[in-house]
C-alpha atoms as a PDB file:
ATOM      1  CA  MET A   1      -0.128   0.226   0.088  1.00  0.00           C
ATOM      2  CA  PRO A   2       1.736   3.640  -0.686  1.00  0.00           C
ATOM      3  CA  LEU A   3       2.141   6.153   1.973  1.00  0.00           C
ATOM      4  CA  VAL A   4      -0.303   8.263   0.681  1.00  0.00           C
ATOM      5  CA  GLU A   5      -3.229   5.510   0.789  1.00  0.00           C
ATOM      6  CA  HIS A   6      -1.707   4.115   4.158  1.00  0.00           C
ATOM      7  CA  LEU A   7      -1.917   7.808   5.561  1.00  0.00           C
ATOM      8  CA  ARG A   8      -5.954   8.131   4.406  1.00  0.00           C
ATOM      9  CA  GLU A   9      -6.620   4.528   5.865  1.00  0.00           C
ATOM     10  CA  LEU A  10      -5.043   5.840   9.439  1.00  0.00           C
ATOM     11  CA  ARG A  11      -7.157   9.031   9.378  1.00  0.00           C
ATOM     12  CA  THR A  12     -10.550   7.134   8.265  1.00  0.00           C
ATOM     13  CA  ARG A  13      -9.743   4.569  11.248  1.00  0.00           C
ATOM     14  CA  VAL A  14      -8.618   7.345  13.712  1.00  0.00           C
ATOM     15  CA  VAL A  15     -12.153   9.289  12.722  1.00  0.00           C
ATOM     16  CA  LYS A  16     -14.232   6.169  13.132  1.00  0.00           C
ATOM     17  CA  ALA A  17     -12.452   5.536  16.651  1.00  0.00           C
ATOM     18  CA  SER A  18     -12.667   8.960  17.578  1.00  0.00           C
ATOM     19  CA  LEU A  19     -16.569   9.221  17.043  1.00  0.00           C
ATOM     20  CA  ALA A  20     -17.126   6.311  18.976  1.00  0.00           C
ATOM     21  CA  ILE A  21     -15.470   7.712  21.808  1.00  0.00           C
ATOM     22  CA  VAL A  22     -17.282  10.875  21.674  1.00  0.00           C
ATOM     23  CA  ILE A  23     -20.375   9.249  21.863  1.00  0.00           C
ATOM     24  CA  GLY A  24     -19.384   6.944  24.861  1.00  0.00           C
ATOM     25  CA  MET A  25     -18.158  10.621  26.444  1.00  0.00           C
ATOM     26  CA  VAL A  26     -21.808  11.712  26.139  1.00  0.00           C
ATOM     27  CA  VAL A  27     -22.628   8.852  27.883  1.00  0.00           C
ATOM     28  CA  GLY A  28     -20.387   8.939  30.289  1.00  0.00           C
ATOM     29  CA  TRP A  29     -21.390  12.731  30.922  1.00  0.00           C
ATOM     30  CA  ILE A  30     -24.921  11.760  31.209  1.00  0.00           C
ATOM     31  CA  TYR A  31     -24.503   9.196  33.697  1.00  0.00           C
ATOM     32  CA  TYR A  32     -21.842  11.155  35.768  1.00  0.00           C
ATOM     33  CA  ALA A  33     -22.880  10.586  39.021  1.00  0.00           C
ATOM     34  CA  GLU A  34     -23.386   7.123  38.840  1.00  0.00           C
ATOM     35  CA  LEU A  35     -19.713   6.726  37.245  1.00  0.00           C
ATOM     36  CA  PHE A  36     -18.233   8.920  39.919  1.00  0.00           C
ATOM     37  CA  LYS A  37     -19.716   6.893  42.784  1.00  0.00           C
ATOM     38  CA  ILE A  38     -18.308   3.506  40.933  1.00  0.00           C
ATOM     39  CA  LEU A  39     -14.744   5.169  40.740  1.00  0.00           C
ATOM     40  CA  SER A  40     -14.722   6.571  44.235  1.00  0.00           C
ATOM     41  CA  GLN A  41     -15.754   3.286  45.629  1.00  0.00           C
ATOM     42  CA  PRO A  42     -12.115   1.747  46.111  1.00  0.00           C
ATOM     43  CA  PHE A  43     -11.410   5.309  47.977  1.00  0.00           C
ATOM     44  CA  GLU A  44     -14.157   4.942  50.151  1.00  0.00           C
ATOM     45  CA  GLY A  45     -13.217   1.802  51.486  1.00  0.00           C
ATOM     46  CA  VAL A  46     -10.021   2.857  52.307  1.00  0.00           C
ATOM     47  CA  VAL A  47     -11.501   6.094  54.153  1.00  0.00           C
ATOM     48  CA  ALA A  48     -13.786   3.713  56.346  1.00  0.00           C
ATOM     49  CA  ALA A  49     -10.574   1.373  57.407  1.00  0.00           C
ATOM     50  CA  ALA A  50      -8.507   4.356  58.021  1.00  0.00           C
ATOM     51  CA  GLN A  51     -11.148   5.791  60.353  1.00  0.00           C
ATOM     52  CA  ALA A  52     -11.173   2.768  62.369  1.00  0.00           C
ATOM     53  CA  GLU A  53      -7.675   3.526  62.826  1.00  0.00           C
ATOM     54  CA  GLY A  54      -7.829   6.752  63.887  1.00  0.00           C
ATOM     55  CA  ARG A  55      -6.613   8.358  60.952  1.00  0.00           C
ATOM     56  CA  ASP A  56      -8.201  10.727  58.341  1.00  0.00           C
ATOM     57  CA  VAL A  57      -8.155  10.267  54.691  1.00  0.00           C
ATOM     58  CA  THR A  58     -10.065  12.684  52.587  1.00  0.00           C
ATOM     59  CA  LEU A  59     -10.725  13.174  48.717  1.00  0.00           C
ATOM     60  CA  ALA A  60     -10.736  16.578  48.032  1.00  0.00           C
ATOM     61  CA  LEU A  61     -11.004  19.399  44.727  1.00  0.00           C
ATOM     62  CA  THR A  62      -8.128  21.891  44.970  1.00  0.00           C
ATOM     63  CA  GLY A  63      -8.579  23.794  41.993  1.00  0.00           C
ATOM     64  CA  VAL A  64     -11.631  26.361  40.835  1.00  0.00           C
ATOM     65  CA  ALA A  65     -12.107  24.584  37.786  1.00  0.00           C
ATOM     66  CA  ASP A  66     -11.367  20.873  39.056  1.00  0.00           C
ATOM     67  CA  PRO A  67     -15.033  19.822  39.082  1.00  0.00           C
ATOM     68  CA  PHE A  68     -15.212  20.858  35.378  1.00  0.00           C
ATOM     69  CA  VAL A  69     -12.375  19.158  34.846  1.00  0.00           C
ATOM     70  CA  LEU A  70     -13.097  16.032  36.845  1.00  0.00           C
ATOM     71  CA  GLN A  71     -16.425  15.363  35.016  1.00  0.00           C
ATOM     72  CA  VAL A  72     -14.173  15.853  31.450  1.00  0.00           C
ATOM     73  CA  GLN A  73     -12.155  13.288  32.676  1.00  0.00           C
ATOM     74  CA  VAL A  74     -14.630  10.630  33.907  1.00  0.00           C
ATOM     75  CA  SER A  75     -16.585  10.914  30.404  1.00  0.00           C
ATOM     76  CA  ALA A  76     -13.331  10.571  28.808  1.00  0.00           C
ATOM     77  CA  LEU A  77     -12.803   7.277  30.646  1.00  0.00           C
ATOM     78  CA  ALA A  78     -16.192   5.991  29.775  1.00  0.00           C
ATOM     79  CA  GLY A  79     -16.043   6.509  26.320  1.00  0.00           C
ATOM     80  CA  ILE A  80     -12.801   4.810  26.172  1.00  0.00           C
ATOM     81  CA  LEU A  81     -14.164   1.880  27.969  1.00  0.00           C
ATOM     82  CA  LEU A  82     -17.582   1.811  26.159  1.00  0.00           C
ATOM     83  CA  ALA A  83     -16.232   2.557  22.688  1.00  0.00           C
ATOM     84  CA  SER A  84     -13.449  -0.407  23.290  1.00  0.00           C
ATOM     85  CA  PRO A  85     -15.173  -2.547  20.645  1.00  0.00           C
ATOM     86  CA  ILE A  86     -15.050  -0.032  17.806  1.00  0.00           C
ATOM     87  CA  TRP A  87     -11.267   1.143  18.655  1.00  0.00           C
ATOM     88  CA  LEU A  88      -9.833  -2.282  19.010  1.00  0.00           C
ATOM     89  CA  TYR A  89     -11.454  -3.505  15.587  1.00  0.00           C
ATOM     90  CA  GLN A  90     -10.221  -0.212  14.095  1.00  0.00           C
ATOM     91  CA  LEU A  91      -6.781  -0.789  15.315  1.00  0.00           C
ATOM     92  CA  TRP A  92      -6.758  -4.340  14.307  1.00  0.00           C
ATOM     93  CA  ARG A  93      -8.104  -3.502  10.621  1.00  0.00           C
ATOM     94  CA  PHE A  94      -5.002  -0.602  10.438  1.00  0.00           C
ATOM     95  CA  ILE A  95      -2.682  -3.003  11.596  1.00  0.00           C
ATOM     96  CA  THR A  96      -3.560  -5.803   9.123  1.00  0.00           C
ATOM     97  CA  PRO A  97      -4.846  -3.981   6.017  1.00  0.00           C
ATOM     98  CA  GLY A  98      -3.479  -6.921   3.702  1.00  0.00           C
ATOM     99  CA  LEU A  99      -4.659 -10.175   4.845  1.00  0.00           C
ATOM    100  CA  HIS A 100      -6.651 -11.781   2.589  1.00  0.00           C
ATOM    101  CA  LYS A 101     -10.739 -12.007   2.791  1.00  0.00           C
ATOM    102  CA  HIS A 102     -10.848 -14.943   4.768  1.00  0.00           C
ATOM    103  CA  GLU A 103      -8.222 -13.446   7.102  1.00  0.00           C
ATOM    104  CA  ARG A 104      -9.991 -10.553   7.707  1.00  0.00           C
ATOM    105  CA  ARG A 105     -12.538 -12.309   9.528  1.00  0.00           C
ATOM    106  CA  TRP A 106     -10.165 -12.604  12.239  1.00  0.00           C
ATOM    107  CA  GLY A 107     -10.772  -8.822  13.079  1.00  0.00           C
ATOM    108  CA  ILE A 108     -14.482  -9.882  14.620  1.00  0.00           C
ATOM    109  CA  ALA A 109     -13.041 -12.668  16.290  1.00  0.00           C
ATOM    110  CA  PHE A 110      -9.967 -10.493  18.072  1.00  0.00           C
ATOM    111  CA  VAL A 111     -12.989  -7.887  19.160  1.00  0.00           C
ATOM    112  CA  VAL A 112     -15.113 -10.991  20.259  1.00  0.00           C
ATOM    113  CA  VAL A 113     -12.013 -12.132  22.610  1.00  0.00           C
ATOM    114  CA  ALA A 114     -10.346  -8.689  23.164  1.00  0.00           C
ATOM    115  CA  VAL A 115     -13.147  -7.018  24.735  1.00  0.00           C
ATOM    116  CA  PRO A 116     -13.987  -9.758  27.404  1.00  0.00           C
ATOM    117  CA  LEU A 117     -10.147  -9.943  28.118  1.00  0.00           C
ATOM    118  CA  PHE A 118      -9.821  -6.272  28.646  1.00  0.00           C
ATOM    119  CA  ALA A 119     -12.708  -5.969  30.400  1.00  0.00           C
ATOM    120  CA  ALA A 120     -11.307  -8.939  32.750  1.00  0.00           C
ATOM    121  CA  GLY A 121      -8.235  -6.807  33.314  1.00  0.00           C
ATOM    122  CA  VAL A 122     -10.277  -4.077  34.439  1.00  0.00           C
ATOM    123  CA  ALA A 123     -12.473  -6.004  36.712  1.00  0.00           C
ATOM    124  CA  LEU A 124      -9.387  -7.060  38.587  1.00  0.00           C
ATOM    125  CA  ALA A 125      -7.912  -3.727  39.112  1.00  0.00           C
ATOM    126  CA  TYR A 126     -10.808  -2.785  40.667  1.00  0.00           C
ATOM    127  CA  LEU A 127     -10.666  -5.362  42.953  1.00  0.00           C
ATOM    128  CA  VAL A 128      -6.875  -4.911  43.763  1.00  0.00           C
ATOM    129  CA  LEU A 129      -6.957  -1.386  43.940  1.00  0.00           C
ATOM    130  CA  PRO A 130      -8.138  -1.277  47.417  1.00  0.00           C
ATOM    131  CA  TYR A 131      -5.346  -3.311  48.836  1.00  0.00           C
ATOM    132  CA  GLY A 132      -3.147  -1.349  47.018  1.00  0.00           C
ATOM    133  CA  LEU A 133      -4.401   1.968  48.227  1.00  0.00           C
ATOM    134  CA  GLU A 134      -4.478   0.437  51.957  1.00  0.00           C
ATOM    135  CA  ILE A 135      -0.557  -0.507  51.381  1.00  0.00           C
ATOM    136  CA  LEU A 136       0.062   2.812  50.427  1.00  0.00           C
ATOM    137  CA  PHE A 137      -1.824   4.905  52.936  1.00  0.00           C
ATOM    138  CA  GLY A 138      -0.183   2.380  55.937  1.00  0.00           C
ATOM    139  CA  PHE A 139       2.990   4.400  55.423  1.00  0.00           C
ATOM    140  CA  THR A 140       1.441   7.513  56.735  1.00  0.00           C
ATOM    141  CA  PRO A 141       3.015   8.689  59.944  1.00  0.00           C
ATOM    142  CA  ASP A 142       1.037   9.601  63.125  1.00  0.00           C
ATOM    143  CA  ASN A 143      -0.548  12.930  63.249  1.00  0.00           C
ATOM    144  CA  VAL A 144      -0.422  13.542  59.865  1.00  0.00           C
ATOM    145  CA  GLU A 145      -3.850  13.403  57.354  1.00  0.00           C
ATOM    146  CA  ASN A 146      -4.024  12.520  53.825  1.00  0.00           C
ATOM    147  CA  ILE A 147      -5.584  14.832  51.743  1.00  0.00           C
ATOM    148  CA  VAL A 148      -5.794  13.345  48.351  1.00  0.00           C
ATOM    149  CA  SER A 149      -6.603  15.402  45.184  1.00  0.00           C
ATOM    150  CA  VAL A 150      -9.229  13.988  42.818  1.00  0.00           C
ATOM    151  CA  ASP A 151      -7.422  14.284  39.866  1.00  0.00           C
ATOM    152  CA  ARG A 152      -4.052  12.384  40.812  1.00  0.00           C
ATOM    153  CA  TYR A 153      -6.610   9.622  42.372  1.00  0.00           C
ATOM    154  CA  LEU A 154      -8.189   9.381  38.940  1.00  0.00           C
ATOM    155  CA  SER A 155      -4.773   9.443  37.172  1.00  0.00           C
ATOM    156  CA  PHE A 156      -3.884   6.663  39.393  1.00  0.00           C
ATOM    157  CA  PHE A 157      -7.359   4.903  39.045  1.00  0.00           C
ATOM    158  CA  ILE A 158      -6.616   5.238  35.297  1.00  0.00           C
ATOM    159  CA  ARG A 159      -3.122   4.138  35.115  1.00  0.00           C
ATOM    160  CA  THR A 160      -4.087   1.030  36.990  1.00  0.00           C
ATOM    161  CA  VAL A 161      -7.104  -0.029  35.099  1.00  0.00           C
ATOM    162  CA  LEU A 162      -5.614   0.361  31.700  1.00  0.00           C
ATOM    163  CA  VAL A 163      -2.499  -1.498  32.632  1.00  0.00           C
ATOM    164  CA  PHE A 164      -4.311  -4.574  34.062  1.00  0.00           C
ATOM    165  CA  GLY A 165      -6.431  -4.466  30.691  1.00  0.00           C
ATOM    166  CA  VAL A 166      -3.793  -4.205  28.308  1.00  0.00           C
ATOM    167  CA  GLY A 167      -1.606  -6.950  29.902  1.00  0.00           C
ATOM    168  CA  PHE A 168      -5.025  -9.307  29.569  1.00  0.00           C
ATOM    169  CA  LEU A 169      -4.817  -8.294  25.798  1.00  0.00           C
ATOM    170  CA  MET A 170      -0.873  -9.312  25.422  1.00  0.00           C
ATOM    171  CA  PRO A 171      -1.683 -13.101  25.344  1.00  0.00           C
ATOM    172  CA  LEU A 172      -3.965 -12.303  22.470  1.00  0.00           C
ATOM    173  CA  MET A 173      -1.823 -10.747  20.654  1.00  0.00           C
ATOM    174  CA  LEU A 174       0.300 -13.679  20.673  1.00  0.00           C
ATOM    175  CA  VAL A 175      -1.918 -15.871  19.248  1.00  0.00           C
ATOM    176  CA  LEU A 176      -2.720 -13.407  16.591  1.00  0.00           C
ATOM    177  CA  LEU A 177       0.894 -13.351  15.792  1.00  0.00           C
ATOM    178  CA  ASN A 178       0.633 -17.101  15.652  1.00  0.00           C
ATOM    179  CA  PHE A 179      -2.347 -16.652  13.249  1.00  0.00           C
ATOM    180  CA  ALA A 180      -0.051 -14.231  11.001  1.00  0.00           C
ATOM    181  CA  GLY A 181       2.477 -16.927  10.548  1.00  0.00           C
ATOM    182  CA  VAL A 182       5.086 -14.539  12.730  1.00  0.00           C
ATOM    183  CA  LEU A 183       5.601 -16.832  15.780  1.00  0.00           C
ATOM    184  CA  THR A 184       5.004 -20.663  16.091  1.00  0.00           C
ATOM    185  CA  GLY A 185       4.337 -22.660  19.343  1.00  0.00           C
ATOM    186  CA  GLN A 186       7.493 -24.546  19.271  1.00  0.00           C
ATOM    187  CA  ARG A 187       8.952 -21.100  19.260  1.00  0.00           C
ATOM    188  CA  LEU A 188       7.078 -19.672  22.314  1.00  0.00           C
ATOM    189  CA  ILE A 189       7.894 -22.328  24.392  1.00  0.00           C
ATOM    190  CA  SER A 190      11.300 -22.317  23.758  1.00  0.00           C
ATOM    191  CA  TRP A 191      11.308 -18.690  25.566  1.00  0.00           C
ATOM    192  CA  TRP A 192       9.417 -19.697  28.267  1.00  0.00           C
ATOM    193  CA  ARG A 193      12.132 -18.526  30.856  1.00  0.00           C
ATOM    194  CA  TRP A 194      11.539 -15.202  28.961  1.00  0.00           C
ATOM    195  CA  ILE A 195       8.240 -15.074  28.736  1.00  0.00           C
ATOM    196  CA  ILE A 196       7.941 -15.456  32.789  1.00  0.00           C
ATOM    197  CA  PHE A 197      10.614 -13.474  33.457  1.00  0.00           C
ATOM    198  CA  ILE A 198       9.210 -10.456  31.163  1.00  0.00           C
ATOM    199  CA  VAL A 199       5.288 -11.039  33.152  1.00  0.00           C
ATOM    200  CA  PHE A 200       6.582 -10.456  36.131  1.00  0.00           C
ATOM    201  CA  ILE A 201       8.973  -7.487  35.369  1.00  0.00           C
ATOM    202  CA  PHE A 202       5.712  -6.174  33.748  1.00  0.00           C
ATOM    203  CA  ALA A 203       3.671  -6.530  37.132  1.00  0.00           C
ATOM    204  CA  ALA A 204       6.003  -5.374  39.395  1.00  0.00           C
ATOM    205  CA  VAL A 205       6.024  -2.127  37.076  1.00  0.00           C
ATOM    206  CA  ALA A 206       2.136  -2.192  36.585  1.00  0.00           C
ATOM    207  CA  THR A 207       0.737  -2.657  39.723  1.00  0.00           C
ATOM    208  CA  PRO A 208       0.063   0.108  42.119  1.00  0.00           C
ATOM    209  CA  THR A 209       2.141  -0.822  45.027  1.00  0.00           C
ATOM    210  CA  GLY A 210       4.898  -3.337  43.570  1.00  0.00           C
ATOM    211  CA  ASP A 211       4.203  -5.543  46.790  1.00  0.00           C
ATOM    212  CA  PRO A 212       4.162  -9.364  46.246  1.00  0.00           C
ATOM    213  CA  ILE A 213       0.565  -9.708  46.692  1.00  0.00           C
ATOM    214  CA  ASN A 214      -0.778  -7.328  43.732  1.00  0.00           C
ATOM    215  CA  LEU A 215       2.273  -8.692  41.784  1.00  0.00           C
ATOM    216  CA  VAL A 216       1.274 -12.245  41.867  1.00  0.00           C
ATOM    217  CA  LEU A 217      -2.422 -11.187  41.249  1.00  0.00           C
ATOM    218  CA  LEU A 218      -1.458  -9.656  38.001  1.00  0.00           C
ATOM    219  CA  ALA A 219       1.240 -11.984  37.223  1.00  0.00           C
ATOM    220  CA  GLY A 220      -0.445 -15.459  37.854  1.00  0.00           C
ATOM    221  CA  PRO A 221      -3.450 -14.802  35.504  1.00  0.00           C
ATOM    222  CA  MET A 222      -1.213 -13.412  32.480  1.00  0.00           C
ATOM    223  CA  LEU A 223       0.412 -16.394  32.895  1.00  0.00           C
ATOM    224  CA  ILE A 224      -2.150 -18.558  32.988  1.00  0.00           C
ATOM    225  CA  LEU A 225      -3.822 -16.664  29.560  1.00  0.00           C
ATOM    226  CA  ILE A 226      -0.347 -17.151  28.112  1.00  0.00           C
ATOM    227  CA  VAL A 227      -0.346 -20.469  28.577  1.00  0.00           C
ATOM    228  CA  LEU A 228      -3.555 -20.961  26.911  1.00  0.00           C
ATOM    229  CA  ALA A 229      -2.706 -18.764  24.121  1.00  0.00           C
ATOM    230  CA  ILE A 230       0.402 -21.087  23.695  1.00  0.00           C
ATOM    231  CA  GLY A 231      -1.902 -24.269  23.607  1.00  0.00           C
ATOM    232  CA  VAL A 232      -4.137 -22.560  20.689  1.00  0.00           C
ATOM    233  CA  CYS A 233      -0.875 -21.568  18.909  1.00  0.00           C
ATOM    234  CA  LEU A 234       0.365 -25.273  19.010  1.00  0.00           C
ATOM    235  CA  LEU A 235      -3.264 -26.334  17.804  1.00  0.00           C
ATOM    236  CA  ASN A 236      -3.225 -23.735  15.017  1.00  0.00           C
ATOM    237  CA  ASP A 237       0.388 -25.197  13.890  1.00  0.00           C
ATOM    238  CA  ARG A 238      -0.835 -28.343  13.796  1.00  0.00           C
ATOM    239  CA  ARG A 239      -3.589 -27.543  11.655  1.00  0.00           C
ATOM    240  CA  ARG A 240      -1.415 -25.535   9.465  1.00  0.00           C
ATOM    241  CA  ALA A 241       0.980 -28.379   8.986  1.00  0.00           C
ATOM    242  CA  LYS A 242      -1.705 -30.988   7.912  1.00  0.00           C
ATOM    243  CA  ARG A 243      -3.218 -28.588   5.332  1.00  0.00           C
ATOM    244  CA  ARG A 244       0.223 -27.856   3.845  1.00  0.00           C
ATOM    245  CA  GLY A 245       0.900 -31.774   4.015  1.00  0.00           C
ATOM    246  CA  ALA A 246      -2.172 -31.915   2.030  1.00  0.00           C
ATOM    247  CA  GLU A 247      -1.456 -29.479  -0.503  1.00  0.00           C
ATOM    248  CA  ALA A 248       1.797 -30.752  -1.188  1.00  0.00           C
ATOM    249  CA  HIS A 249       0.168 -34.027  -1.821  1.00  0.00           C
ATOM    250  CA  TYR A 250      -2.002 -32.771  -4.530  1.00  0.00           C
ATOM    251  CA  ASP A 251       0.588 -30.223  -5.953  1.00  0.00           C
ATOM    252  CA  GLU A 252       3.352 -32.963  -6.253  1.00  0.00           C
ATOM    253  CA  TRP A 253       3.014 -33.032 -10.225  1.00  0.00           C
ATOM    254  CA  ASP A 254       2.330 -29.799 -12.402  1.00  0.00           C
ATOM    255  CA  ASP A 255      -0.897 -29.639 -14.569  1.00  0.00           C
ATOM    256  CA  ASP A 256       1.240 -30.381 -17.753  1.00  0.00           C
ATOM    257  CA  GLU A 257       3.423 -33.151 -16.278  1.00  0.00           C
ATOM    258  CA  ILE A 258       2.617 -36.628 -16.682  1.00  0.00           C
ATOM    259  CA  SER A 259       2.888 -38.617 -13.621  1.00  0.00           C
ATOM    260  CA  PRO A 260       4.575 -42.210 -13.865  1.00  0.00           C
ATOM    261  CA  LEU A 261       2.755 -45.098 -14.127  1.00  0.00           C
ATOM    262  CA  ASP A 262       3.378 -48.376 -12.378  1.00  0.00           C
ATOM    263  CA  LEU A 263       4.172 -50.800 -15.155  1.00  0.00           C
ATOM    264  CA  ASP A 264       5.382 -53.844 -12.865  1.00  0.00           C
ATOM    265  CA  ILE A 265       2.896 -56.526 -14.040  1.00  0.00           C
ATOM    266  CA  SER A 266       5.009 -59.476 -12.561  1.00  0.00           C
ATOM    267  CA  GLY A 267       2.952 -61.632 -10.681  1.00  0.00           C
ATOM    268  CA  PRO A 268       1.945 -65.369 -10.923  1.00  0.00           C
ATOM    269  CA  GLU A 269       0.182 -65.112 -14.534  1.00  0.00           C
ATOM    270  CA  SER A 270       3.113 -62.929 -15.781  1.00  0.00           C
ATOM    271  CA  ASN A 271       5.746 -66.323 -14.871  1.00  0.00           C
ATOM    272  CA  ALA A 272       3.596 -68.500 -16.582  1.00  0.00           C
END
């Protein structure tokens, strides 16, 4: 594909993804109060635990324009999450414009699998976040109050959620690379030490606290998903090998080539 057409393709995909995100932002703007209650729920649990220990933890807005900016940020987050099936599909179609017609169907399968995986990562992040906050606030010295700016909490929340969601998409990327013929299942198995190392490094950097509990909560499901992905890759490699074997059998002789005949007529009758 020429560069100009590639840029036009990029523009088309970006416009479609952006429109989907804007529509999701409108929905998030309408249901802002309900969404903010959901977002602040992990923090509210930490506040209750801190008050039981005699500490004060407060979520505060410190600027004049912060309420408006907060609503825009929450709406943007809702738009990204709600439009994830659209922009994930647009991303896949931009990356793979040269596939055959039957291979383009992978885009639909990609979205069908990617959205639940991304949602599972987000849900896990939502469950892990209160534990991470409790650990972080546990380092607060005595006679010191925690006054947390809402925008900083929201940034912390978004980073954690997106990292967990993207982490759950990594096994799917391995399967797609295998279907595209870039990686084989055996090659992935030979890299198992590096895969484990990279997953734990990613989990250590991505988790909000870096403690062993939250690290394992992210790395454990990722490794399980990667094992399942490698299994799918091995099955696909076996299917591809059988298909190539069948094609090699039928393509052994060209259309204009005469195949050899078995002229061996030796037997009991020929000896008579």
